[in-house]
Amino acid sequence: MFRYVHTNIIANDPDKLIAFYKEVFHCKSIGEERGFKGAVAGSINRFT
């Protein structure tokens, strides 16, 4: 058994991507969620 730590993947539907990894690779969620909002995120990412 191994622990996978990190990959940068950009997805239009992150929930669908998560479901894929759980189904195909039997990955488990560790409970974290990303939510980049607010002035700082807006200044970094002009697409928000």
PDB file of N, CA and C in Angstrom:
ATOM      1  N   MET A   1       0.842  -1.179   0.000  1.00  0.00           N
ATOM      2  CA  MET A   1       0.000   0.000   0.000  1.00  0.00           C
ATOM      3  C   MET A   1       0.887   1.241   0.000  1.00  0.00           C
ATOM      4  N   PHE A   2       0.430   2.270  -0.689  1.00  0.00           N
ATOM      5  CA  PHE A   2       1.177   3.520  -0.718  1.00  0.00           C
ATOM      6  C   PHE A   2       0.225   4.683  -0.524  1.00  0.00           C
ATOM      7  N   ARG A   3       0.780   5.802  -0.177  1.00  0.00           N
ATOM      8  CA  ARG A   3      -0.013   7.016   0.026  1.00  0.00           C
ATOM      9  C   ARG A   3       0.366   8.019  -1.052  1.00  0.00           C
ATOM     10  N   TYR A   4      -0.622   8.379  -1.866  1.00  0.00           N
ATOM     11  CA  TYR A   4      -0.404   9.362  -2.911  1.00  0.00           C
ATOM     12  C   TYR A   4      -0.632  10.745  -2.321  1.00  0.00           C
ATOM     13  N   VAL A   5       0.263  11.665  -2.578  1.00  0.00           N
ATOM     14  CA  VAL A   5       0.222  12.942  -1.885  1.00  0.00           C
ATOM     15  C   VAL A   5      -0.324  14.098  -2.718  1.00  0.00           C
ATOM     16  N   HIS A   6       0.104  14.250  -3.982  1.00  0.00           N
ATOM     17  CA  HIS A   6      -0.246  15.496  -4.665  1.00  0.00           C
ATOM     18  C   HIS A   6      -0.155  15.381  -6.186  1.00  0.00           C
ATOM     19  N   THR A   7      -1.116  15.972  -6.870  1.00  0.00           N
ATOM     20  CA  THR A   7      -1.085  16.182  -8.317  1.00  0.00           C
ATOM     21  C   THR A   7      -1.832  17.471  -8.616  1.00  0.00           C
ATOM     22  N   ASN A   8      -1.330  18.259  -9.543  1.00  0.00           N
ATOM     23  CA  ASN A   8      -2.042  19.450 -10.000  1.00  0.00           C
ATOM     24  C   ASN A   8      -2.883  19.067 -11.205  1.00  0.00           C
ATOM     25  N   ILE A   9      -4.188  19.023 -11.031  1.00  0.00           N
ATOM     26  CA  ILE A   9      -5.110  18.735 -12.122  1.00  0.00           C
ATOM     27  C   ILE A   9      -6.197  19.801 -12.091  1.00  0.00           C
ATOM     28  N   ILE A  10      -6.442  20.391 -13.249  1.00  0.00           N
ATOM     29  CA  ILE A  10      -7.506  21.382 -13.356  1.00  0.00           C
ATOM     30  C   ILE A  10      -8.712  20.684 -13.978  1.00  0.00           C
ATOM     31  N   ALA A  11      -9.858  20.753 -13.313  1.00  0.00           N
ATOM     32  CA  ALA A  11     -11.052  20.063 -13.792  1.00  0.00           C
ATOM     33  C   ALA A  11     -12.246  21.003 -13.795  1.00  0.00           C
ATOM     34  N   ASN A  12     -13.063  20.896 -14.825  1.00  0.00           N
ATOM     35  CA  ASN A  12     -14.305  21.671 -14.863  1.00  0.00           C
ATOM     36  C   ASN A  12     -15.296  21.171 -13.823  1.00  0.00           C
ATOM     37  N   ASP A  13     -15.243  19.879 -13.518  1.00  0.00           N
ATOM     38  CA  ASP A  13     -16.161  19.271 -12.548  1.00  0.00           C
ATOM     39  C   ASP A  13     -15.334  18.467 -11.547  1.00  0.00           C
ATOM     40  N   PRO A  14     -14.819  19.114 -10.494  1.00  0.00           N
ATOM     41  CA  PRO A  14     -13.946  18.410  -9.556  1.00  0.00           C
ATOM     42  C   PRO A  14     -14.627  17.241  -8.851  1.00  0.00           C
ATOM     43  N   ASP A  15     -15.926  17.314  -8.616  1.00  0.00           N
ATOM     44  CA  ASP A  15     -16.618  16.202  -7.966  1.00  0.00           C
ATOM     45  C   ASP A  15     -16.614  14.956  -8.844  1.00  0.00           C
ATOM     46  N   LYS A  16     -16.751  15.148 -10.141  1.00  0.00           N
ATOM     47  CA  LYS A  16     -16.703  14.025 -11.086  1.00  0.00           C
ATOM     48  C   LYS A  16     -15.297  13.419 -11.114  1.00  0.00           C
ATOM     49  N   LEU A  17     -14.287  14.262 -11.076  1.00  0.00           N
ATOM     50  CA  LEU A  17     -12.902  13.787 -11.053  1.00  0.00           C
ATOM     51  C   LEU A  17     -12.619  13.000  -9.777  1.00  0.00           C
ATOM     52  N   ILE A  18     -13.105  13.487  -8.649  1.00  0.00           N
ATOM     53  CA  ILE A  18     -12.937  12.796  -7.369  1.00  0.00           C
ATOM     54  C   ILE A  18     -13.601  11.432  -7.415  1.00  0.00           C
ATOM     55  N   ALA A  19     -14.808  11.371  -7.962  1.00  0.00           N
ATOM     56  CA  ALA A  19     -15.530  10.096  -8.079  1.00  0.00           C
ATOM     57  C   ALA A  19     -14.747   9.114  -8.947  1.00  0.00           C
ATOM     58  N   PHE A  20     -14.134   9.605 -10.027  1.00  0.00           N
ATOM     59  CA  PHE A  20     -13.321   8.758 -10.896  1.00  0.00           C
ATOM     60  C   PHE A  20     -12.155   8.145 -10.123  1.00  0.00           C
ATOM     61  N   TYR A  21     -11.409   8.962  -9.387  1.00  0.00           N
ATOM     62  CA  TYR A  21     -10.258   8.461  -8.631  1.00  0.00           C
ATOM     63  C   TYR A  21     -10.688   7.461  -7.560  1.00  0.00           C
ATOM     64  N   LYS A  22     -11.821   7.707  -6.933  1.00  0.00           N
ATOM     65  CA  LYS A  22     -12.313   6.773  -5.915  1.00  0.00           C
ATOM     66  C   LYS A  22     -12.701   5.436  -6.538  1.00  0.00           C
ATOM     67  N   GLU A  23     -13.374   5.499  -7.694  1.00  0.00           N
ATOM     68  CA  GLU A  23     -13.846   4.266  -8.336  1.00  0.00           C
ATOM     69  C   GLU A  23     -12.708   3.475  -8.977  1.00  0.00           C
ATOM     70  N   VAL A  24     -11.858   4.145  -9.730  1.00  0.00           N
ATOM     71  CA  VAL A  24     -10.826   3.452 -10.499  1.00  0.00           C
ATOM     72  C   VAL A  24      -9.620   3.068  -9.649  1.00  0.00           C
ATOM     73  N   PHE A  25      -9.163   3.987  -8.806  1.00  0.00           N
ATOM     74  CA  PHE A  25      -7.943   3.754  -8.036  1.00  0.00           C
ATOM     75  C   PHE A  25      -8.201   3.439  -6.571  1.00  0.00           C
ATOM     76  N   HIS A  26      -9.472   3.387  -6.170  1.00  0.00           N
ATOM     77  CA  HIS A  26      -9.864   3.089  -4.783  1.00  0.00           C
ATOM     78  C   HIS A  26      -9.256   4.074  -3.791  1.00  0.00           C
ATOM     79  N   CYS A  27      -9.174   5.339  -4.210  1.00  0.00           N
ATOM     80  CA  CYS A  27      -8.666   6.395  -3.324  1.00  0.00           C
ATOM     81  C   CYS A  27      -9.741   6.751  -2.299  1.00  0.00           C
ATOM     82  N   LYS A  28      -9.300   7.314  -1.195  1.00  0.00           N
ATOM     83  CA  LYS A  28     -10.213   7.756  -0.149  1.00  0.00           C
ATOM     84  C   LYS A  28      -9.998   9.243   0.100  1.00  0.00           C
ATOM     85  N   SER A  29     -11.085   9.941   0.367  1.00  0.00           N
ATOM     86  CA  SER A  29     -10.976  11.364   0.695  1.00  0.00           C
ATOM     87  C   SER A  29     -10.400  11.519   2.093  1.00  0.00           C
ATOM     88  N   ILE A  30      -9.651  12.600   2.276  1.00  0.00           N
ATOM     89  CA  ILE A  30      -9.084  12.855   3.602  1.00  0.00           C
ATOM     90  C   ILE A  30      -9.788  14.017   4.288  1.00  0.00           C
ATOM     91  N   GLY A  31     -10.878  14.502   3.675  1.00  0.00           N
ATOM     92  CA  GLY A  31     -11.719  15.479   4.352  1.00  0.00           C
ATOM     93  C   GLY A  31     -11.431  16.935   4.082  1.00  0.00           C
ATOM     94  N   GLU A  32     -10.473  17.237   3.258  1.00  0.00           N
ATOM     95  CA  GLU A  32     -10.191  18.647   3.005  1.00  0.00           C
ATOM     96  C   GLU A  32     -10.993  19.133   1.810  1.00  0.00           C
ATOM     97  N   GLU A  33     -11.274  20.424   1.806  1.00  0.00           N
ATOM     98  CA  GLU A  33     -11.954  21.046   0.689  1.00  0.00           C
ATOM     99  C   GLU A  33     -11.227  22.329   0.337  1.00  0.00           C
ATOM    100  N   ARG A  34     -11.212  22.640  -0.931  1.00  0.00           N
ATOM    101  CA  ARG A  34     -10.591  23.872  -1.393  1.00  0.00           C
ATOM    102  C   ARG A  34     -11.692  24.884  -1.679  1.00  0.00           C
ATOM    103  N   GLY A  35     -11.485  26.103  -1.286  1.00  0.00           N
ATOM    104  CA  GLY A  35     -12.446  27.160  -1.567  1.00  0.00           C
ATOM    105  C   GLY A  35     -11.732  28.488  -1.634  1.00  0.00           C
ATOM    106  N   PHE A  36     -11.218  28.817  -2.791  1.00  0.00           N
ATOM    107  CA  PHE A  36     -10.463  30.047  -2.937  1.00  0.00           C
ATOM    108  C   PHE A  36     -11.410  31.170  -3.336  1.00  0.00           C
ATOM    109  N   LYS A  37     -11.752  32.015  -2.380  1.00  0.00           N
ATOM    110  CA  LYS A  37     -12.670  33.121  -2.628  1.00  0.00           C
ATOM    111  C   LYS A  37     -12.157  34.357  -1.910  1.00  0.00           C
ATOM    112  N   GLY A  38     -12.670  35.479  -2.291  1.00  0.00           N
ATOM    113  CA  GLY A  38     -12.329  36.706  -1.605  1.00  0.00           C
ATOM    114  C   GLY A  38     -11.357  37.566  -2.388  1.00  0.00           C
ATOM    115  N   ALA A  39     -10.942  38.649  -1.766  1.00  0.00           N
ATOM    116  CA  ALA A  39     -10.102  39.642  -2.430  1.00  0.00           C
ATOM    117  C   ALA A  39      -8.743  39.081  -2.833  1.00  0.00           C
ATOM    118  N   VAL A  40      -8.127  38.301  -1.969  1.00  0.00           N
ATOM    119  CA  VAL A  40      -6.797  37.760  -2.278  1.00  0.00           C
ATOM    120  C   VAL A  40      -6.869  36.813  -3.462  1.00  0.00           C
ATOM    121  N   ALA A  41      -7.820  35.898  -3.443  1.00  0.00           N
ATOM    122  CA  ALA A  41      -7.971  34.955  -4.548  1.00  0.00           C
ATOM    123  C   ALA A  41      -8.326  35.696  -5.825  1.00  0.00           C
ATOM    124  N   GLY A  42      -9.166  36.700  -5.733  1.00  0.00           N
ATOM    125  CA  GLY A  42      -9.535  37.476  -6.901  1.00  0.00           C
ATOM    126  C   GLY A  42      -8.380  38.229  -7.502  1.00  0.00           C
ATOM    127  N   SER A  43      -7.457  38.684  -6.677  1.00  0.00           N
ATOM    128  CA  SER A  43      -6.290  39.399  -7.190  1.00  0.00           C
ATOM    129  C   SER A  43      -5.287  38.461  -7.831  1.00  0.00           C
ATOM    130  N   ILE A  44      -5.282  37.191  -7.399  1.00  0.00           N
ATOM    131  CA  ILE A  44      -4.374  36.198  -7.985  1.00  0.00           C
ATOM    132  C   ILE A  44      -4.958  35.648  -9.273  1.00  0.00           C
ATOM    133  N   ASN A  45      -6.228  35.348  -9.269  1.00  0.00           N
ATOM    134  CA  ASN A  45      -6.890  34.720 -10.398  1.00  0.00           C
ATOM    135  C   ASN A  45      -7.894  35.698 -10.998  1.00  0.00           C
ATOM    136  N   ARG A  46      -7.580  36.260 -12.115  1.00  0.00           N
ATOM    137  CA  ARG A  46      -8.427  37.275 -12.740  1.00  0.00           C
ATOM    138  C   ARG A  46      -9.680  36.686 -13.381  1.00  0.00           C
ATOM    139  N   PHE A  47      -9.836  35.375 -13.395  1.00  0.00           N
ATOM    140  CA  PHE A  47     -10.990  34.738 -14.020  1.00  0.00           C
ATOM    141  C   PHE A  47     -12.168  34.575 -13.069  1.00  0.00           C
ATOM    142  N   THR A  48     -12.013  34.931 -11.785  1.00  0.00           N
ATOM    143  CA  THR A  48     -13.108  34.774 -10.827  1.00  0.00           C
ATOM    144  C   THR A  48     -14.022  35.974 -10.867  1.00  0.00           C
TER     145      THR A  48
END
